[in-house]
C-alpha atoms as a PDB file:
ATOM      1  CA  MET A   1       8.213   3.606  24.056  1.00  0.00           C
ATOM      2  CA  LEU A   2       9.223   4.797  20.608  1.00  0.00           C
ATOM      3  CA  GLU A   3       6.558   6.734  18.723  1.00  0.00           C
ATOM      4  CA  ILE A   4       6.292   6.671  14.922  1.00  0.00           C
ATOM      5  CA  VAL A   5       3.798   8.572  12.792  1.00  0.00           C
ATOM      6  CA  LEU A   6       1.942   6.553  10.154  1.00  0.00           C
ATOM      7  CA  ALA A   7       1.881   8.849   7.134  1.00  0.00           C
ATOM      8  CA  SER A   8      -1.377   7.779   5.521  1.00  0.00           C
ATOM      9  CA  GLN A   9      -4.970   8.957   5.202  1.00  0.00           C
ATOM     10  CA  ASN A  10      -6.122   5.493   4.072  1.00  0.00           C
ATOM     11  CA  GLU A  11      -7.946   3.670   6.887  1.00  0.00           C
ATOM     12  CA  GLY A  12      -7.495   0.275   5.221  1.00  0.00           C
ATOM     13  CA  LYS A  13      -3.730   0.706   5.068  1.00  0.00           C
ATOM     14  CA  LEU A  14      -3.566   1.929   8.664  1.00  0.00           C
ATOM     15  CA  ILE A  15      -5.444  -1.116   9.944  1.00  0.00           C
ATOM     16  CA  GLU A  16      -3.186  -3.537   8.050  1.00  0.00           C
ATOM     17  CA  ILE A  17       0.014  -1.792   9.158  1.00  0.00           C
ATOM     18  CA  GLN A  18      -0.993  -1.617  12.815  1.00  0.00           C
ATOM     19  CA  ASP A  19      -2.114  -5.255  12.851  1.00  0.00           C
ATOM     20  CA  LEU A  20       1.092  -6.606  11.340  1.00  0.00           C
ATOM     21  CA  LEU A  21       3.403  -4.526  13.547  1.00  0.00           C
ATOM     22  CA  LYS A  22       1.450  -4.890  16.797  1.00  0.00           C
ATOM     23  CA  SER A  23       4.099  -7.128  18.382  1.00  0.00           C
ATOM     24  CA  LEU A  24       6.711  -4.357  18.308  1.00  0.00           C
ATOM     25  CA  GLU A  25       7.278  -2.074  21.283  1.00  0.00           C
ATOM     26  CA  ILE A  26       6.351   0.941  19.190  1.00  0.00           C
ATOM     27  CA  ARG A  27       3.397   3.294  19.434  1.00  0.00           C
ATOM     28  CA  PHE A  28       2.148   4.050  15.934  1.00  0.00           C
ATOM     29  CA  ILE A  29       0.203   7.308  15.601  1.00  0.00           C
ATOM     30  CA  PRO A  30      -1.938   7.894  12.488  1.00  0.00           C
ATOM     31  CA  GLN A  31      -1.133  11.310  11.040  1.00  0.00           C
ATOM     32  CA  THR A  32      -4.850  12.136  11.039  1.00  0.00           C
ATOM     33  CA  LYS A  33      -4.739  12.195  14.861  1.00  0.00           C
ATOM     34  CA  LEU A  34      -2.059  14.882  14.684  1.00  0.00           C
ATOM     35  CA  ASN A  35      -4.013  16.953  12.144  1.00  0.00           C
ATOM     36  CA  ILE A  36      -1.267  16.528   9.563  1.00  0.00           C
ATOM     37  CA  PRO A  37      -2.686  17.417   6.148  1.00  0.00           C
ATOM     38  CA  PRO A  38      -2.133  15.135   3.140  1.00  0.00           C
ATOM     39  CA  VAL A  39       0.732  16.001   0.821  1.00  0.00           C
ATOM     40  CA  GLU A  40       0.685  16.054  -2.965  1.00  0.00           C
ATOM     41  CA  GLU A  41       2.261  12.887  -4.358  1.00  0.00           C
ATOM     42  CA  THR A  42       4.489  14.293  -7.097  1.00  0.00           C
ATOM     43  CA  GLY A  43       6.869  11.343  -7.444  1.00  0.00           C
ATOM     44  CA  THR A  44       7.074   9.154 -10.521  1.00  0.00           C
ATOM     45  CA  THR A  45       7.792   5.960  -8.555  1.00  0.00           C
ATOM     46  CA  PHE A  46       6.372   4.285  -5.460  1.00  0.00           C
ATOM     47  CA  VAL A  47       9.681   4.912  -3.664  1.00  0.00           C
ATOM     48  CA  GLU A  48       9.643   8.644  -4.388  1.00  0.00           C
ATOM     49  CA  ASN A  49       6.054   9.031  -3.205  1.00  0.00           C
ATOM     50  CA  ALA A  50       6.638   7.039  -0.018  1.00  0.00           C
ATOM     51  CA  ILE A  51       9.616   9.225   0.883  1.00  0.00           C
ATOM     52  CA  ILE A  52       7.657  12.415   0.108  1.00  0.00           C
ATOM     53  CA  LYS A  53       4.878  11.329   2.468  1.00  0.00           C
ATOM     54  CA  ALA A  54       7.278  10.237   5.216  1.00  0.00           C
ATOM     55  CA  ARG A  55       9.247  13.508   5.130  1.00  0.00           C
ATOM     56  CA  HIS A  56       6.016  15.507   5.204  1.00  0.00           C
ATOM     57  CA  ALA A  57       4.731  13.662   8.287  1.00  0.00           C
ATOM     58  CA  ALA A  58       8.091  13.936  10.054  1.00  0.00           C
ATOM     59  CA  LYS A  59       8.234  17.670   9.336  1.00  0.00           C
ATOM     60  CA  TYR A  60       4.814  18.328  10.852  1.00  0.00           C
ATOM     61  CA  SER A  61       5.153  15.985  13.824  1.00  0.00           C
ATOM     62  CA  GLY A  62       8.823  16.136  14.760  1.00  0.00           C
ATOM     63  CA  LEU A  63       8.687  12.331  15.064  1.00  0.00           C
ATOM     64  CA  PRO A  64      10.020   9.440  12.987  1.00  0.00           C
ATOM     65  CA  ALA A  65       7.584   8.594  10.207  1.00  0.00           C
ATOM     66  CA  LEU A  66       6.554   5.489   8.288  1.00  0.00           C
ATOM     67  CA  ALA A  67       4.901   5.933   4.896  1.00  0.00           C
ATOM     68  CA  ASP A  68       3.409   3.481   2.449  1.00  0.00           C
ATOM     69  CA  ASP A  69       3.008   3.962  -1.265  1.00  0.00           C
ATOM     70  CA  SER A  70       1.468   1.139  -3.174  1.00  0.00           C
ATOM     71  CA  GLY A  71      -0.402   0.373  -6.325  1.00  0.00           C
ATOM     72  CA  LEU A  72      -1.489  -2.044  -8.990  1.00  0.00           C
ATOM     73  CA  ILE A  73       0.583  -2.714 -12.100  1.00  0.00           C
ATOM     74  CA  ILE A  74      -1.225  -4.361 -15.016  1.00  0.00           C
ATOM     75  CA  THR A  75       0.958  -5.680 -17.828  1.00  0.00           C
ATOM     76  CA  ALA A  76      -1.650  -5.224 -20.585  1.00  0.00           C
ATOM     77  CA  LEU A  77      -2.115  -1.561 -19.603  1.00  0.00           C
ATOM     78  CA  ASN A  78       1.596  -0.733 -19.896  1.00  0.00           C
ATOM     79  CA  SER A  79       2.009  -0.911 -16.109  1.00  0.00           C
ATOM     80  CA  ALA A  80      -0.983   1.341 -15.375  1.00  0.00           C
ATOM     81  CA  PRO A  81      -2.488   2.367 -13.039  1.00  0.00           C
ATOM     82  CA  GLY A  82       0.860   2.258 -11.179  1.00  0.00           C
ATOM     83  CA  VAL A  83       1.591   5.318  -9.033  1.00  0.00           C
ATOM     84  CA  PHE A  84      -1.795   6.712 -10.050  1.00  0.00           C
ATOM     85  CA  SER A  85      -3.698   3.728  -8.600  1.00  0.00           C
ATOM     86  CA  SER A  86      -5.586   5.790  -6.013  1.00  0.00           C
ATOM     87  CA  ARG A  87      -6.329   8.569  -8.508  1.00  0.00           C
ATOM     88  CA  TYR A  88      -6.873   6.474 -11.637  1.00  0.00           C
ATOM     89  CA  ALA A  89     -10.488   7.519 -12.239  1.00  0.00           C
ATOM     90  CA  GLY A  90     -10.052  11.060 -10.901  1.00  0.00           C
ATOM     91  CA  GLY A  91      -9.318  12.625  -7.544  1.00  0.00           C
ATOM     92  CA  HIS A  92     -12.791  12.087  -6.088  1.00  0.00           C
ATOM     93  CA  ALA A  93     -13.450   8.637  -7.555  1.00  0.00           C
ATOM     94  CA  THR A  94     -14.481   5.695  -5.387  1.00  0.00           C
ATOM     95  CA  ASP A  95     -12.904   2.239  -5.315  1.00  0.00           C
ATOM     96  CA  SER A  96     -15.810   1.069  -7.464  1.00  0.00           C
ATOM     97  CA  ASP A  97     -15.135   3.822 -10.029  1.00  0.00           C
ATOM     98  CA  ARG A  98     -11.489   2.802 -10.306  1.00  0.00           C
ATOM     99  CA  ILE A  99     -12.364  -0.869 -10.626  1.00  0.00           C
ATOM    100  CA  GLN A 100     -14.866  -0.182 -13.395  1.00  0.00           C
ATOM    101  CA  LYS A 101     -12.312   1.913 -15.285  1.00  0.00           C
ATOM    102  CA  VAL A 102      -9.777  -0.932 -15.183  1.00  0.00           C
ATOM    103  CA  LEU A 103     -12.349  -3.527 -16.244  1.00  0.00           C
ATOM    104  CA  LYS A 104     -13.479  -1.330 -19.132  1.00  0.00           C
ATOM    105  CA  GLU A 105      -9.899  -0.955 -20.363  1.00  0.00           C
ATOM    106  CA  LEU A 106      -9.364  -4.721 -20.158  1.00  0.00           C
ATOM    107  CA  GLU A 107     -12.705  -5.829 -21.603  1.00  0.00           C
ATOM    108  CA  ASN A 108     -11.164  -7.130 -24.851  1.00  0.00           C
ATOM    109  CA  ILE A 109      -8.093  -8.654 -23.207  1.00  0.00           C
ATOM    110  CA  ASP A 110      -7.902 -12.454 -23.019  1.00  0.00           C
ATOM    111  CA  SER A 111      -7.597 -14.082 -19.596  1.00  0.00           C
ATOM    112  CA  ARG A 112      -4.065 -15.253 -20.427  1.00  0.00           C
ATOM    113  CA  ASP A 113      -2.959 -11.632 -20.817  1.00  0.00           C
ATOM    114  CA  ARG A 114      -4.465 -10.158 -17.656  1.00  0.00           C
ATOM    115  CA  SER A 115      -1.447 -10.587 -15.370  1.00  0.00           C
ATOM    116  CA  ALA A 116      -0.988  -7.987 -12.666  1.00  0.00           C
ATOM    117  CA  SER A 117       0.973  -7.315  -9.514  1.00  0.00           C
ATOM    118  CA  PHE A 118       0.429  -5.258  -6.401  1.00  0.00           C
ATOM    119  CA  HIS A 119       3.507  -3.391  -5.161  1.00  0.00           C
ATOM    120  CA  CYS A 120       4.057  -1.833  -1.745  1.00  0.00           C
ATOM    121  CA  ILE A 121       6.933   0.407  -0.747  1.00  0.00           C
ATOM    122  CA  LEU A 122       7.454   1.345   2.895  1.00  0.00           C
ATOM    123  CA  ALA A 123       9.732   4.253   3.766  1.00  0.00           C
ATOM    124  CA  LEU A 124      10.834   4.804   7.365  1.00  0.00           C
ATOM    125  CA  ILE A 125      12.726   7.959   8.304  1.00  0.00           C
ATOM    126  CA  GLU A 126      14.056   9.165  11.656  1.00  0.00           C
ATOM    127  CA  ASN A 127      13.458  12.833  10.886  1.00  0.00           C
ATOM    128  CA  GLU A 128      12.566  15.193   8.046  1.00  0.00           C
ATOM    129  CA  THR A 129      16.147  15.440   6.749  1.00  0.00           C
ATOM    130  CA  ASP A 130      17.104  11.778   7.176  1.00  0.00           C
ATOM    131  CA  PRO A 131      19.543  11.180   4.267  1.00  0.00           C
ATOM    132  CA  ALA A 132      19.054   7.408   4.193  1.00  0.00           C
ATOM    133  CA  PRO A 133      15.417   6.305   4.488  1.00  0.00           C
ATOM    134  CA  LEU A 134      14.852   2.630   5.224  1.00  0.00           C
ATOM    135  CA  ILE A 135      13.025   1.157   2.210  1.00  0.00           C
ATOM    136  CA  CYS A 136      11.111  -2.148   2.158  1.00  0.00           C
ATOM    137  CA  HIS A 137       9.371  -3.606  -0.905  1.00  0.00           C
ATOM    138  CA  GLY A 138       6.652  -6.224  -1.234  1.00  0.00           C
ATOM    139  CA  VAL A 139       5.180  -7.696  -4.454  1.00  0.00           C
ATOM    140  CA  TRP A 140       2.000  -9.775  -4.848  1.00  0.00           C
ATOM    141  CA  GLU A 141       1.447 -11.501  -8.194  1.00  0.00           C
ATOM    142  CA  GLY A 142      -1.970 -12.275  -9.629  1.00  0.00           C
ATOM    143  CA  ASN A 143      -4.446 -11.695 -12.452  1.00  0.00           C
ATOM    144  CA  ILE A 144      -7.368  -9.387 -13.115  1.00  0.00           C
ATOM    145  CA  VAL A 145     -10.772 -11.091 -13.224  1.00  0.00           C
ATOM    146  CA  TYR A 146     -13.716 -10.005 -15.383  1.00  0.00           C
ATOM    147  CA  GLU A 147     -15.988  -8.879 -12.561  1.00  0.00           C
ATOM    148  CA  PRO A 148     -15.564  -7.950  -8.881  1.00  0.00           C
ATOM    149  CA  LYS A 149     -15.816 -10.753  -6.331  1.00  0.00           C
ATOM    150  CA  GLY A 150     -15.682 -10.571  -2.552  1.00  0.00           C
ATOM    151  CA  LYS A 151     -16.533  -8.008   0.112  1.00  0.00           C
ATOM    152  CA  ASN A 152     -13.320  -7.797   2.125  1.00  0.00           C
ATOM    153  CA  GLY A 153     -10.301  -5.549   1.732  1.00  0.00           C
ATOM    154  CA  PHE A 154     -10.299  -2.296  -0.205  1.00  0.00           C
ATOM    155  CA  GLY A 155      -9.069  -0.729  -3.427  1.00  0.00           C
ATOM    156  CA  TYR A 156      -8.661  -3.173  -6.293  1.00  0.00           C
ATOM    157  CA  ASP A 157      -8.923  -6.275  -4.078  1.00  0.00           C
ATOM    158  CA  PRO A 158     -12.249  -7.463  -5.631  1.00  0.00           C
ATOM    159  CA  ILE A 159     -10.684  -7.854  -9.098  1.00  0.00           C
ATOM    160  CA  PHE A 160      -7.235  -9.137  -8.070  1.00  0.00           C
ATOM    161  CA  TYR A 161      -7.220 -12.930  -8.392  1.00  0.00           C
ATOM    162  CA  ILE A 162      -4.642 -15.036  -6.543  1.00  0.00           C
ATOM    163  CA  PRO A 163      -4.088 -18.331  -8.412  1.00  0.00           C
ATOM    164  CA  SER A 164      -2.611 -20.110  -5.383  1.00  0.00           C
ATOM    165  CA  HIS A 165      -5.782 -19.436  -3.365  1.00  0.00           C
ATOM    166  CA  ARG A 166      -8.253 -19.621  -6.272  1.00  0.00           C
ATOM    167  CA  CYS A 167     -10.029 -16.459  -5.174  1.00  0.00           C
ATOM    168  CA  THR A 168      -9.716 -12.685  -5.257  1.00  0.00           C
ATOM    169  CA  ALA A 169      -8.001 -10.681  -2.537  1.00  0.00           C
ATOM    170  CA  ALA A 170     -11.444  -9.467  -1.446  1.00  0.00           C
ATOM    171  CA  GLU A 171     -12.524 -13.062  -0.812  1.00  0.00           C
ATOM    172  CA  LEU A 172      -9.736 -13.568   1.720  1.00  0.00           C
ATOM    173  CA  ASP A 173     -10.364 -12.648   5.322  1.00  0.00           C
ATOM    174  CA  PHE A 174      -8.061 -10.299   7.206  1.00  0.00           C
ATOM    175  CA  LYS A 175      -5.961 -13.073   8.733  1.00  0.00           C
ATOM    176  CA  GLU A 176      -5.487 -14.831   5.386  1.00  0.00           C
ATOM    177  CA  LYS A 177      -4.638 -11.726   3.392  1.00  0.00           C
ATOM    178  CA  ASN A 178      -2.172  -9.933   5.646  1.00  0.00           C
ATOM    179  CA  PRO A 179       0.673 -12.494   5.664  1.00  0.00           C
ATOM    180  CA  ILE A 180       0.740 -12.921   1.874  1.00  0.00           C
ATOM    181  CA  SER A 181      -0.161  -9.498   0.482  1.00  0.00           C
ATOM    182  CA  HIS A 182       2.304  -6.985  -0.944  1.00  0.00           C
ATOM    183  CA  ARG A 183       1.894  -4.842   2.160  1.00  0.00           C
ATOM    184  CA  GLY A 184       2.234  -7.863   4.401  1.00  0.00           C
ATOM    185  CA  GLN A 185       5.507  -8.839   2.732  1.00  0.00           C
ATOM    186  CA  ALA A 186       6.935  -5.322   3.038  1.00  0.00           C
ATOM    187  CA  LEU A 187       5.851  -5.093   6.673  1.00  0.00           C
ATOM    188  CA  GLN A 188       7.396  -8.462   7.516  1.00  0.00           C
ATOM    189  CA  GLU A 189      10.685  -7.230   6.047  1.00  0.00           C
ATOM    190  CA  LEU A 190      10.392  -4.018   8.064  1.00  0.00           C
ATOM    191  CA  MET A 191       9.539  -5.896  11.261  1.00  0.00           C
ATOM    192  CA  ALA A 192      12.589  -8.139  10.883  1.00  0.00           C
ATOM    193  CA  ILE A 193      14.827  -5.105  10.466  1.00  0.00           C
ATOM    194  CA  LEU A 194      13.291  -3.185  13.380  1.00  0.00           C
ATOM    195  CA  THR A 195      13.426  -6.192  15.686  1.00  0.00           C
ATOM    196  CA  ASN A 196      17.185  -6.390  15.169  1.00  0.00           C
ATOM    197  CA  SER A 197      17.897  -2.660  15.225  1.00  0.00           C
ATOM    198  CA  PHE A 198      18.421   0.018  17.807  1.00  0.00           C
ATOM    199  CA  LEU A 199      14.956   1.434  17.085  1.00  0.00           C
ATOM    200  CA  VAL A 200      13.117  -1.184  19.127  1.00  0.00           C
END
């Protein structure tokens, strides 16, 4: 069975990735189980950061690696927090800290101007020097609400409202969220490619 390292420290991401790809004949190993340290995300785009993380995990493990870089883009904040989504309120901030920072910055913004989108980039590489990483991209459109709602998910889910479902991402259960989220879309694209490739 093929083994691939999941290059992430984020437990929420790992759970979503493993759930959506569980039908593949691949053993996914979280990098934390291999004692691979996190790498500094120095890229200016989601693609650059995903590739940085994948190469780092492949270097330490000697295995193919799959990395995710994702974030929230808010139109009224000039596309912030973007690639800084996980570090938006400082390196040691909690999800709640980041949410409160966003809500504070949007407090005078009308509901019609609170559009936002979650983006997820997946980068799969065969080895550290792979010259052509496989890139998959998922986008989830929504709006930012005025106060957090819901207990599920992680990150900015409690303030990300999905008009089609009339609730926030944190009000969706696991089975509802995964097929429609930005990560779910990127993973479905990846699964389709892997299912029809030599990797599986």
